[in-house]
Amino acid sequence: MKKIYYQVENEIAMIRMDDGKANAMDFGFFDEMNEAIDRLEGDRNGDRYSFPR
């Protein structure tokens, strides 16, 4: 089950975390979070979107 959601709307990147439970984070959760952050950094470095610096 996916727990981390990455989306871009109107040039604003959002990472949403939803594991269905409060404070229940496992290694899979952090793996997904790292993937989302890597994607964000790739979008930022490729100037795909405008991010404040």
N, C-alpha and C. Protein backbone atom coordinates (compact mmCIF):
# COMPACT_ATOMS: atom_id res chain seq x y z
N MET A 1 0.84 -1.18 0.00
CA MET A 1 0.00 0.00 0.00
C MET A 1 0.88 1.25 0.00
N LYS A 2 0.62 2.14 -0.91
CA LYS A 2 1.39 3.37 -1.03
C LYS A 2 1.06 4.31 0.13
N LYS A 3 2.10 4.93 0.68
CA LYS A 3 1.91 5.80 1.85
C LYS A 3 2.34 7.24 1.58
N ILE A 4 3.15 7.45 0.56
CA ILE A 4 3.67 8.78 0.25
C ILE A 4 3.19 9.17 -1.15
N TYR A 5 2.65 10.36 -1.29
CA TYR A 5 2.13 10.83 -2.56
C TYR A 5 2.83 12.13 -2.94
N TYR A 6 3.31 12.18 -4.17
CA TYR A 6 4.00 13.36 -4.70
C TYR A 6 3.18 13.89 -5.86
N GLN A 7 2.91 15.18 -5.85
CA GLN A 7 2.19 15.78 -6.96
C GLN A 7 2.61 17.23 -7.11
N VAL A 8 2.40 17.75 -8.31
CA VAL A 8 2.70 19.14 -8.60
C VAL A 8 1.46 19.77 -9.19
N GLU A 9 1.05 20.89 -8.63
CA GLU A 9 -0.08 21.65 -9.13
C GLU A 9 0.33 23.11 -9.20
N ASN A 10 0.11 23.72 -10.35
CA ASN A 10 0.44 25.14 -10.54
C ASN A 10 1.87 25.46 -10.10
N GLU A 11 2.79 24.58 -10.48
CA GLU A 11 4.21 24.73 -10.18
C GLU A 11 4.54 24.69 -8.69
N ILE A 12 3.67 24.07 -7.90
CA ILE A 12 3.92 23.87 -6.47
C ILE A 12 3.97 22.37 -6.22
N ALA A 13 5.10 21.90 -5.72
CA ALA A 13 5.28 20.48 -5.43
C ALA A 13 4.78 20.19 -4.02
N MET A 14 4.06 19.07 -3.89
CA MET A 14 3.54 18.66 -2.58
C MET A 14 3.88 17.20 -2.33
N ILE A 15 4.32 16.90 -1.12
CA ILE A 15 4.52 15.53 -0.68
C ILE A 15 3.53 15.30 0.45
N ARG A 16 2.63 14.35 0.25
CA ARG A 16 1.61 14.04 1.26
C ARG A 16 1.91 12.68 1.86
N MET A 17 1.88 12.59 3.18
CA MET A 17 2.14 11.35 3.90
C MET A 17 0.82 10.85 4.49
N ASP A 18 0.50 9.58 4.19
CA ASP A 18 -0.73 9.00 4.72
C ASP A 18 -0.54 7.52 4.93
N ASP A 19 -0.23 7.15 6.17
CA ASP A 19 -0.06 5.73 6.46
C ASP A 19 -1.29 5.14 7.14
N GLY A 20 -2.30 5.96 7.37
CA GLY A 20 -3.53 5.48 7.97
C GLY A 20 -3.47 5.35 9.49
N LYS A 21 -2.29 5.52 10.04
CA LYS A 21 -2.13 5.41 11.49
C LYS A 21 -1.26 6.57 11.98
N ALA A 22 -1.47 6.97 13.19
CA ALA A 22 -0.66 8.05 13.76
C ALA A 22 0.69 7.49 14.21
N ASN A 23 1.75 8.16 13.77
CA ASN A 23 3.11 7.83 14.21
C ASN A 23 3.53 6.40 13.93
N ALA A 24 3.01 5.81 12.85
CA ALA A 24 3.39 4.44 12.49
C ALA A 24 4.22 4.49 11.22
N MET A 25 5.52 4.62 11.37
CA MET A 25 6.42 4.71 10.22
C MET A 25 7.37 3.52 10.25
N ASP A 26 7.47 2.84 9.11
CA ASP A 26 8.37 1.70 9.01
C ASP A 26 9.40 1.98 7.92
N PHE A 27 10.25 1.00 7.63
CA PHE A 27 11.29 1.21 6.63
C PHE A 27 10.71 1.49 5.26
N GLY A 28 9.59 0.86 4.90
CA GLY A 28 8.93 1.10 3.63
C GLY A 28 8.47 2.54 3.51
N PHE A 29 7.97 3.09 4.61
CA PHE A 29 7.52 4.49 4.64
C PHE A 29 8.69 5.42 4.30
N PHE A 30 9.83 5.18 4.94
CA PHE A 30 11.00 6.03 4.70
C PHE A 30 11.57 5.83 3.30
N ASP A 31 11.50 4.61 2.77
CA ASP A 31 11.93 4.37 1.39
C ASP A 31 11.09 5.20 0.43
N GLU A 32 9.77 5.19 0.61
CA GLU A 32 8.88 5.98 -0.23
C GLU A 32 9.14 7.48 -0.08
N MET A 33 9.41 7.91 1.14
CA MET A 33 9.68 9.32 1.38
C MET A 33 10.97 9.74 0.65
N ASN A 34 12.00 8.91 0.73
CA ASN A 34 13.25 9.20 0.03
C ASN A 34 13.04 9.27 -1.48
N GLU A 35 12.22 8.38 -2.02
CA GLU A 35 11.92 8.40 -3.46
C GLU A 35 11.22 9.71 -3.84
N ALA A 36 10.28 10.15 -3.03
CA ALA A 36 9.56 11.40 -3.30
C ALA A 36 10.51 12.60 -3.24
N ILE A 37 11.40 12.61 -2.27
CA ILE A 37 12.36 13.70 -2.15
C ILE A 37 13.33 13.68 -3.33
N ASP A 38 13.77 12.49 -3.75
CA ASP A 38 14.64 12.39 -4.91
C ASP A 38 13.93 12.93 -6.16
N ARG A 39 12.66 12.60 -6.30
CA ARG A 39 11.89 13.10 -7.44
C ARG A 39 11.77 14.62 -7.40
N LEU A 40 11.51 15.16 -6.22
CA LEU A 40 11.43 16.61 -6.05
C LEU A 40 12.74 17.28 -6.44
N GLU A 41 13.84 16.72 -5.96
CA GLU A 41 15.15 17.29 -6.28
C GLU A 41 15.43 17.21 -7.78
N GLY A 42 15.03 16.11 -8.42
CA GLY A 42 15.22 15.97 -9.85
C GLY A 42 14.41 16.99 -10.62
N ASP A 43 13.17 17.22 -10.19
CA ASP A 43 12.33 18.23 -10.83
C ASP A 43 12.93 19.62 -10.65
N ARG A 44 13.44 19.87 -9.46
CA ARG A 44 14.01 21.19 -9.17
C ARG A 44 15.28 21.43 -9.97
N ASN A 45 16.16 20.43 -10.01
CA ASN A 45 17.43 20.59 -10.72
C ASN A 45 17.23 20.66 -12.23
N GLY A 46 16.18 20.06 -12.73
CA GLY A 46 15.90 20.10 -14.15
C GLY A 46 15.11 21.33 -14.55
N ASP A 47 14.86 22.21 -13.59
CA ASP A 47 14.10 23.44 -13.83
C ASP A 47 12.74 23.15 -14.45
N ARG A 48 12.18 21.99 -14.10
CA ARG A 48 10.85 21.65 -14.58
C ARG A 48 9.80 22.56 -13.95
N TYR A 49 10.03 22.91 -12.71
CA TYR A 49 9.12 23.76 -11.98
C TYR A 49 9.91 24.87 -11.32
N SER A 50 9.24 25.94 -10.96
CA SER A 50 9.94 27.03 -10.28
C SER A 50 9.74 26.87 -8.78
N PHE A 51 10.84 26.70 -8.09
CA PHE A 51 10.81 26.56 -6.64
C PHE A 51 11.55 27.73 -6.02
N PRO A 52 11.07 28.24 -4.91
CA PRO A 52 11.81 29.30 -4.22
C PRO A 52 13.15 28.74 -3.74
N ARG A 53 14.16 29.53 -3.81
CA ARG A 53 15.49 29.07 -3.34
C ARG A 53 15.91 29.85 -2.13
